[in-house]
Amino acid sequence: MTSNITRDNDQWLIDLTNTGEQQTSALNDLRERLKRSIYYYLSQERSDLRDLAQKELVTMAEDLSQDAVLRVMDNLDNFRGESRFTTWANKIAVRLAISELRRARYKDFSLDNLTSNGDFLSADASIVGEAPPNPETAAERDDVMGQIDAAMRESLTDRQYRALVAVAMHNVPMDVVAEQLDTNRNALYKLIYDARRNLKNHLESKGLSTDYMLDLFQR
């Protein structure tokens, strides 16, 4: 249960960094606030969770709120007072929920399996999109995709290839790919940037422009 204490920004910081009952009370109040915020997000803004019972959502919110409190406490020094403390904390909690749900979705994901079968574009790849309007365009797309696949294998390192296929073609979250490649997000950004640059240069050297490809897949 939450207490009846009303805190402004300064009081939140004082209570949370204090000791004893004052801190305990503030932590309990913060956890309850974050739990409500997370529950609202799970129940109202996530269509993929609508089949879950209320009890399951409550349990998820309770578990996530515990981690959210720790995340907020770790970031207290970053609070600048530009908004209400509770608004700032709620944003941290929701971002944590989004991240954890994403991780749960990809808990069985294997980057090796995604790129080991030789088919770098499956039916769910984001670039595939809707079916083309006519057989000629379909054949042209197939030819271009074959050239892109060959260019990727020729111009990219294995790590660049795996990262680009996962992120650009299959929309796998950056943090999931970074974990699979045993790297961090900044290094992964650089890896993908270099991969795209190498691929673009290689394709253009073969006479295939990126503008042409974008137009082809928007038809």
C-alpha atoms as a PDB file:
ATOM      1  CA  MET A   1       0.000   0.000   0.000  1.00  0.00           C
ATOM      2  CA  THR A   2       1.060   3.550  -0.641  1.00  0.00           C
ATOM      3  CA  SER A   3       1.369   6.076   2.154  1.00  0.00           C
ATOM      4  CA  ASN A   4      -0.530   9.347   2.272  1.00  0.00           C
ATOM      5  CA  ILE A   5       2.664  11.377   1.948  1.00  0.00           C
ATOM      6  CA  THR A   6       2.687  14.007  -0.793  1.00  0.00           C
ATOM      7  CA  ARG A   7       6.175  14.603  -2.178  1.00  0.00           C
ATOM      8  CA  ASP A   8       7.552  17.186  -4.554  1.00  0.00           C
ATOM      9  CA  ASN A   9      10.664  16.473  -6.598  1.00  0.00           C
ATOM     10  CA  ASP A  10      13.088  17.451  -3.859  1.00  0.00           C
ATOM     11  CA  GLN A  11      11.280  15.382  -1.260  1.00  0.00           C
ATOM     12  CA  TRP A  12      11.357  12.299  -3.460  1.00  0.00           C
ATOM     13  CA  LEU A  13      15.112  12.618  -3.822  1.00  0.00           C
ATOM     14  CA  ILE A  14      15.611  13.253  -0.109  1.00  0.00           C
ATOM     15  CA  ASP A  15      13.472  10.300   0.946  1.00  0.00           C
ATOM     16  CA  LEU A  16      14.891   7.850  -1.589  1.00  0.00           C
ATOM     17  CA  THR A  17      18.480   8.655  -0.667  1.00  0.00           C
ATOM     18  CA  ASN A  18      17.817   8.619   3.062  1.00  0.00           C
ATOM     19  CA  THR A  19      17.969   5.576   5.322  1.00  0.00           C
ATOM     20  CA  GLY A  20      15.604   3.675   7.553  1.00  0.00           C
ATOM     21  CA  GLU A  21      11.829   3.996   7.508  1.00  0.00           C
ATOM     22  CA  GLN A  22      11.888   7.206   5.463  1.00  0.00           C
ATOM     23  CA  GLN A  23      13.569   5.449   2.543  1.00  0.00           C
ATOM     24  CA  THR A  24      11.513   2.281   2.962  1.00  0.00           C
ATOM     25  CA  SER A  25       8.286   4.263   2.773  1.00  0.00           C
ATOM     26  CA  ALA A  26       9.463   6.142  -0.326  1.00  0.00           C
ATOM     27  CA  LEU A  27      10.545   2.923  -2.048  1.00  0.00           C
ATOM     28  CA  ASN A  28       7.184   1.292  -1.341  1.00  0.00           C
ATOM     29  CA  ASP A  29       5.315   4.328  -2.655  1.00  0.00           C
ATOM     30  CA  LEU A  30       7.490   4.442  -5.758  1.00  0.00           C
ATOM     31  CA  ARG A  31       7.002   0.736  -6.443  1.00  0.00           C
ATOM     32  CA  GLU A  32       3.222   1.053  -6.189  1.00  0.00           C
ATOM     33  CA  ARG A  33       3.198   4.036  -8.543  1.00  0.00           C
ATOM     34  CA  LEU A  34       5.372   2.263 -11.068  1.00  0.00           C
ATOM     35  CA  LYS A  35       3.288  -0.895 -10.808  1.00  0.00           C
ATOM     36  CA  ARG A  36       0.153   1.066 -11.706  1.00  0.00           C
ATOM     37  CA  SER A  37       1.919   2.748 -14.593  1.00  0.00           C
ATOM     38  CA  ILE A  38       3.257  -0.531 -15.940  1.00  0.00           C
ATOM     39  CA  TYR A  39      -0.091  -2.268 -15.521  1.00  0.00           C
ATOM     40  CA  TYR A  40      -1.806   0.495 -17.487  1.00  0.00           C
ATOM     41  CA  TYR A  41       0.748   0.118 -20.259  1.00  0.00           C
ATOM     42  CA  LEU A  42       0.388  -3.664 -20.366  1.00  0.00           C
ATOM     43  CA  SER A  43      -3.412  -3.672 -20.268  1.00  0.00           C
ATOM     44  CA  GLN A  44      -4.206  -0.643 -22.424  1.00  0.00           C
ATOM     45  CA  GLU A  45      -1.365  -0.159 -24.878  1.00  0.00           C
ATOM     46  CA  ARG A  46      -0.228  -3.685 -25.744  1.00  0.00           C
ATOM     47  CA  SER A  47      -2.635  -5.373 -28.141  1.00  0.00           C
ATOM     48  CA  ASP A  48      -0.429  -8.475 -28.122  1.00  0.00           C
ATOM     49  CA  LEU A  49      -1.243  -9.019 -24.426  1.00  0.00           C
ATOM     50  CA  ARG A  50      -5.020  -8.717 -24.639  1.00  0.00           C
ATOM     51  CA  ASP A  51      -5.520 -12.468 -24.378  1.00  0.00           C
ATOM     52  CA  LEU A  52      -3.841 -12.563 -20.969  1.00  0.00           C
ATOM     53  CA  ALA A  53      -5.969 -12.653 -17.845  1.00  0.00           C
ATOM     54  CA  GLN A  54      -5.945  -9.659 -15.522  1.00  0.00           C
ATOM     55  CA  LYS A  55      -4.191 -11.719 -12.862  1.00  0.00           C
ATOM     56  CA  GLU A  56      -1.329 -12.448 -15.253  1.00  0.00           C
ATOM     57  CA  LEU A  57      -0.958  -8.780 -16.139  1.00  0.00           C
ATOM     58  CA  VAL A  58      -0.947  -7.835 -12.458  1.00  0.00           C
ATOM     59  CA  THR A  59       1.793 -10.377 -11.781  1.00  0.00           C
ATOM     60  CA  MET A  60       3.828  -9.066 -14.707  1.00  0.00           C
ATOM     61  CA  ALA A  61       3.399  -5.498 -13.472  1.00  0.00           C
ATOM     62  CA  GLU A  62       4.477  -6.479  -9.960  1.00  0.00           C
ATOM     63  CA  ASP A  63       7.606  -8.230 -11.210  1.00  0.00           C
ATOM     64  CA  LEU A  64       8.529  -5.427 -13.579  1.00  0.00           C
ATOM     65  CA  SER A  65       7.925  -2.760 -10.941  1.00  0.00           C
ATOM     66  CA  GLN A  66      10.574  -4.337  -8.716  1.00  0.00           C
ATOM     67  CA  ASP A  67      13.145  -4.038 -11.498  1.00  0.00           C
ATOM     68  CA  ALA A  68      11.888  -0.566 -12.391  1.00  0.00           C
ATOM     69  CA  VAL A  69      12.531   0.702  -8.861  1.00  0.00           C
ATOM     70  CA  LEU A  70      16.113  -0.523  -9.089  1.00  0.00           C
ATOM     71  CA  ARG A  71      16.486   1.149 -12.488  1.00  0.00           C
ATOM     72  CA  VAL A  72      15.164   4.436 -11.123  1.00  0.00           C
ATOM     73  CA  MET A  73      17.478   4.271  -8.116  1.00  0.00           C
ATOM     74  CA  ASP A  74      20.446   3.628 -10.403  1.00  0.00           C
ATOM     75  CA  ASN A  75      19.544   6.733 -12.406  1.00  0.00           C
ATOM     76  CA  LEU A  76      18.723   9.192  -9.629  1.00  0.00           C
ATOM     77  CA  ASP A  77      21.802  11.265 -10.444  1.00  0.00           C
ATOM     78  CA  ASN A  78      20.448  11.748 -13.974  1.00  0.00           C
ATOM     79  CA  PHE A  79      17.186  13.349 -12.836  1.00  0.00           C
ATOM     80  CA  ARG A  80      17.362  17.032 -13.780  1.00  0.00           C
ATOM     81  CA  GLY A  81      14.055  18.195 -12.372  1.00  0.00           C
ATOM     82  CA  GLU A  82      12.719  19.252 -15.781  1.00  0.00           C
ATOM     83  CA  SER A  83       9.514  17.300 -15.110  1.00  0.00           C
ATOM     84  CA  ARG A  84       7.772  15.794 -12.120  1.00  0.00           C
ATOM     85  CA  PHE A  85       9.844  13.059 -10.550  1.00  0.00           C
ATOM     86  CA  THR A  86       7.003  10.558 -10.877  1.00  0.00           C
ATOM     87  CA  THR A  87       6.617  11.353 -14.590  1.00  0.00           C
ATOM     88  CA  TRP A  88      10.324  10.760 -15.116  1.00  0.00           C
ATOM     89  CA  ALA A  89      10.216   7.521 -13.127  1.00  0.00           C
ATOM     90  CA  ASN A  90       7.145   6.271 -15.005  1.00  0.00           C
ATOM     91  CA  LYS A  91       8.940   6.735 -18.320  1.00  0.00           C
ATOM     92  CA  ILE A  92      11.835   4.651 -17.055  1.00  0.00           C
ATOM     93  CA  ALA A  93       9.412   1.951 -15.907  1.00  0.00           C
ATOM     94  CA  VAL A  94       7.573   1.780 -19.229  1.00  0.00           C
ATOM     95  CA  ARG A  95      10.824   1.672 -21.195  1.00  0.00           C
ATOM     96  CA  LEU A  96      11.942  -1.192 -18.983  1.00  0.00           C
ATOM     97  CA  ALA A  97       8.666  -3.019 -19.635  1.00  0.00           C
ATOM     98  CA  ILE A  98       9.054  -2.548 -23.380  1.00  0.00           C
ATOM     99  CA  SER A  99      12.606  -3.865 -23.258  1.00  0.00           C
ATOM    100  CA  GLU A 100      11.709  -6.901 -21.153  1.00  0.00           C
ATOM    101  CA  LEU A 101       8.742  -7.794 -23.360  1.00  0.00           C
ATOM    102  CA  ARG A 102      10.983  -7.573 -26.395  1.00  0.00           C
ATOM    103  CA  ARG A 103      13.527  -9.837 -24.758  1.00  0.00           C
ATOM    104  CA  ALA A 104      10.819 -12.334 -23.862  1.00  0.00           C
ATOM    105  CA  ARG A 105       9.616 -12.370 -27.457  1.00  0.00           C
ATOM    106  CA  TYR A 106      13.101 -13.230 -28.696  1.00  0.00           C
ATOM    107  CA  LYS A 107      14.161 -15.509 -25.832  1.00  0.00           C
ATOM    108  CA  ASP A 108      14.433 -18.497 -28.202  1.00  0.00           C
ATOM    109  CA  PHE A 109      15.865 -16.455 -31.066  1.00  0.00           C
ATOM    110  CA  SER A 110      19.110 -17.697 -32.581  1.00  0.00           C
ATOM    111  CA  LEU A 111      21.128 -15.484 -34.871  1.00  0.00           C
ATOM    112  CA  ASP A 112      22.987 -18.552 -36.103  1.00  0.00           C
ATOM    113  CA  ASN A 113      19.753 -20.265 -37.138  1.00  0.00           C
ATOM    114  CA  LEU A 114      18.527 -17.131 -38.888  1.00  0.00           C
ATOM    115  CA  THR A 115      21.519 -16.943 -41.208  1.00  0.00           C
ATOM    116  CA  SER A 116      22.696 -20.538 -41.442  1.00  0.00           C
ATOM    117  CA  ASN A 117      20.082 -21.921 -43.827  1.00  0.00           C
ATOM    118  CA  GLY A 118      21.184 -19.850 -46.813  1.00  0.00           C
ATOM    119  CA  ASP A 119      17.819 -18.098 -47.110  1.00  0.00           C
ATOM    120  CA  PHE A 120      18.535 -14.589 -45.905  1.00  0.00           C
ATOM    121  CA  LEU A 121      15.017 -13.374 -46.665  1.00  0.00           C
ATOM    122  CA  SER A 122      12.128 -15.407 -45.343  1.00  0.00           C
ATOM    123  CA  ALA A 123       8.482 -14.514 -45.843  1.00  0.00           C
ATOM    124  CA  ASP A 124       8.443 -12.375 -42.704  1.00  0.00           C
ATOM    125  CA  ALA A 125      11.365 -10.200 -43.727  1.00  0.00           C
ATOM    126  CA  SER A 126      10.444  -6.541 -43.583  1.00  0.00           C
ATOM    127  CA  ILE A 127      11.743  -5.712 -47.044  1.00  0.00           C
ATOM    128  CA  VAL A 128       9.503  -8.253 -48.760  1.00  0.00           C
ATOM    129  CA  GLY A 129       6.285  -6.339 -48.162  1.00  0.00           C
ATOM    130  CA  GLU A 130       3.145  -6.934 -50.155  1.00  0.00           C
ATOM    131  CA  ALA A 131       2.922  -9.052 -53.272  1.00  0.00           C
ATOM    132  CA  PRO A 132       3.914  -7.157 -56.448  1.00  0.00           C
ATOM    133  CA  PRO A 133       1.117  -6.026 -58.765  1.00  0.00           C
ATOM    134  CA  ASN A 134       2.234  -8.027 -61.812  1.00  0.00           C
ATOM    135  CA  PRO A 135       4.454 -10.983 -62.826  1.00  0.00           C
ATOM    136  CA  GLU A 136       7.043  -8.704 -64.460  1.00  0.00           C
ATOM    137  CA  THR A 137       7.632  -6.766 -61.252  1.00  0.00           C
ATOM    138  CA  ALA A 138       7.710 -10.011 -59.270  1.00  0.00           C
ATOM    139  CA  ALA A 139      10.412 -11.406 -61.537  1.00  0.00           C
ATOM    140  CA  GLU A 140      12.363  -8.143 -61.347  1.00  0.00           C
ATOM    141  CA  ARG A 141      12.200  -8.177 -57.556  1.00  0.00           C
ATOM    142  CA  ASP A 142      13.401 -11.778 -57.412  1.00  0.00           C
ATOM    143  CA  ASP A 143      16.345 -10.903 -59.630  1.00  0.00           C
ATOM    144  CA  VAL A 144      17.260  -7.885 -57.510  1.00  0.00           C
ATOM    145  CA  MET A 145      16.979  -9.869 -54.287  1.00  0.00           C
ATOM    146  CA  GLY A 146      19.322 -12.453 -55.734  1.00  0.00           C
ATOM    147  CA  GLN A 147      21.808  -9.721 -56.567  1.00  0.00           C
ATOM    148  CA  ILE A 148      21.487  -8.208 -53.093  1.00  0.00           C
ATOM    149  CA  ASP A 149      22.043 -11.583 -51.465  1.00  0.00           C
ATOM    150  CA  ALA A 150      25.117 -12.227 -53.594  1.00  0.00           C
ATOM    151  CA  ALA A 151      26.425  -8.722 -52.922  1.00  0.00           C
ATOM    152  CA  MET A 152      25.984  -9.132 -49.172  1.00  0.00           C
ATOM    153  CA  ARG A 153      27.905 -12.391 -49.171  1.00  0.00           C
ATOM    154  CA  GLU A 154      30.670 -10.925 -51.321  1.00  0.00           C
ATOM    155  CA  SER A 155      31.103  -7.530 -49.651  1.00  0.00           C
ATOM    156  CA  LEU A 156      30.350  -8.146 -45.967  1.00  0.00           C
ATOM    157  CA  THR A 157      32.172  -9.946 -43.213  1.00  0.00           C
ATOM    158  CA  ASP A 158      30.323 -12.745 -41.451  1.00  0.00           C
ATOM    159  CA  ARG A 159      29.487 -10.497 -38.482  1.00  0.00           C
ATOM    160  CA  GLN A 160      28.318  -7.679 -40.744  1.00  0.00           C
ATOM    161  CA  TYR A 161      26.157 -10.097 -42.710  1.00  0.00           C
ATOM    162  CA  ARG A 162      24.543 -11.620 -39.647  1.00  0.00           C
ATOM    163  CA  ALA A 163      23.886  -8.236 -38.053  1.00  0.00           C
ATOM    164  CA  LEU A 164      22.429  -6.645 -41.189  1.00  0.00           C
ATOM    165  CA  VAL A 165      20.165  -9.606 -41.950  1.00  0.00           C
ATOM    166  CA  ALA A 166      18.799  -9.634 -38.406  1.00  0.00           C
ATOM    167  CA  VAL A 167      18.291  -5.887 -37.924  1.00  0.00           C
ATOM    168  CA  ALA A 168      17.523  -4.577 -41.408  1.00  0.00           C
ATOM    169  CA  MET A 169      15.735  -7.570 -42.901  1.00  0.00           C
ATOM    170  CA  HIS A 170      13.984  -9.149 -39.921  1.00  0.00           C
ATOM    171  CA  ASN A 171      13.568  -6.224 -37.500  1.00  0.00           C
ATOM    172  CA  VAL A 172      15.239  -8.066 -34.627  1.00  0.00           C
ATOM    173  CA  PRO A 173      15.869  -5.525 -31.807  1.00  0.00           C
ATOM    174  CA  MET A 174      19.354  -4.088 -31.566  1.00  0.00           C
ATOM    175  CA  ASP A 175      19.878  -5.177 -27.969  1.00  0.00           C
ATOM    176  CA  VAL A 176      18.984  -8.781 -28.837  1.00  0.00           C
ATOM    177  CA  VAL A 177      21.421  -8.863 -31.763  1.00  0.00           C
ATOM    178  CA  ALA A 178      24.127  -7.168 -29.691  1.00  0.00           C
ATOM    179  CA  GLU A 179      23.763  -9.825 -27.010  1.00  0.00           C
ATOM    180  CA  GLN A 180      23.952 -12.639 -29.580  1.00  0.00           C
ATOM    181  CA  LEU A 181      27.090 -11.129 -31.095  1.00  0.00           C
ATOM    182  CA  ASP A 182      28.615 -10.549 -27.649  1.00  0.00           C
ATOM    183  CA  THR A 183      28.952  -6.805 -28.231  1.00  0.00           C
ATOM    184  CA  ASN A 184      27.247  -3.553 -27.206  1.00  0.00           C
ATOM    185  CA  ARG A 185      24.772  -1.300 -28.998  1.00  0.00           C
ATOM    186  CA  ASN A 186      27.345   1.330 -29.979  1.00  0.00           C
ATOM    187  CA  ALA A 187      29.636  -1.250 -31.537  1.00  0.00           C
ATOM    188  CA  LEU A 188      26.660  -2.835 -33.296  1.00  0.00           C
ATOM    189  CA  TYR A 189      25.605   0.549 -34.735  1.00  0.00           C
ATOM    190  CA  LYS A 190      29.118   0.933 -36.166  1.00  0.00           C
ATOM    191  CA  LEU A 191      29.073  -2.625 -37.518  1.00  0.00           C
ATOM    192  CA  ILE A 192      25.765  -2.082 -39.322  1.00  0.00           C
ATOM    193  CA  TYR A 193      26.803   1.356 -40.589  1.00  0.00           C
ATOM    194  CA  ASP A 194      29.945  -0.132 -42.133  1.00  0.00           C
ATOM    195  CA  ALA A 195      27.949  -3.036 -43.553  1.00  0.00           C
ATOM    196  CA  ARG A 196      25.430  -0.741 -45.247  1.00  0.00           C
ATOM    197  CA  ARG A 197      28.185   1.442 -46.667  1.00  0.00           C
ATOM    198  CA  ASN A 198      30.073  -1.568 -48.028  1.00  0.00           C
ATOM    199  CA  LEU A 199      26.902  -3.053 -49.494  1.00  0.00           C
ATOM    200  CA  LYS A 200      25.857   0.239 -51.112  1.00  0.00           C
ATOM    201  CA  ASN A 201      29.277   0.706 -52.701  1.00  0.00           C
ATOM    202  CA  HIS A 202      29.353  -2.883 -53.928  1.00  0.00           C
ATOM    203  CA  LEU A 203      25.871  -2.685 -55.461  1.00  0.00           C
ATOM    204  CA  GLU A 204      26.611   0.611 -57.172  1.00  0.00           C
ATOM    205  CA  SER A 205      29.817  -0.845 -58.596  1.00  0.00           C
ATOM    206  CA  LYS A 206      27.589  -3.477 -60.208  1.00  0.00           C
ATOM    207  CA  GLY A 207      25.323  -0.797 -61.666  1.00  0.00           C
ATOM    208  CA  LEU A 208      22.466  -1.321 -59.191  1.00  0.00           C
ATOM    209  CA  SER A 209      21.447   1.933 -57.490  1.00  0.00           C
ATOM    210  CA  THR A 210      19.736   2.105 -54.107  1.00  0.00           C
ATOM    211  CA  ASP A 211      17.149   4.532 -55.522  1.00  0.00           C
ATOM    212  CA  TYR A 212      16.175   1.970 -58.131  1.00  0.00           C
ATOM    213  CA  MET A 213      15.785  -0.744 -55.506  1.00  0.00           C
ATOM    214  CA  LEU A 214      13.643   1.421 -53.236  1.00  0.00           C
ATOM    215  CA  ASP A 215      11.380   2.335 -56.154  1.00  0.00           C
ATOM    216  CA  LEU A 216      11.090  -1.303 -57.183  1.00  0.00           C
ATOM    217  CA  PHE A 217       9.886  -2.482 -53.778  1.00  0.00           C
ATOM    218  CA  GLN A 218       7.430   0.391 -53.409  1.00  0.00           C
ATOM    219  CA  ARG A 219       5.560  -0.481 -56.576  1.00  0.00           C
END
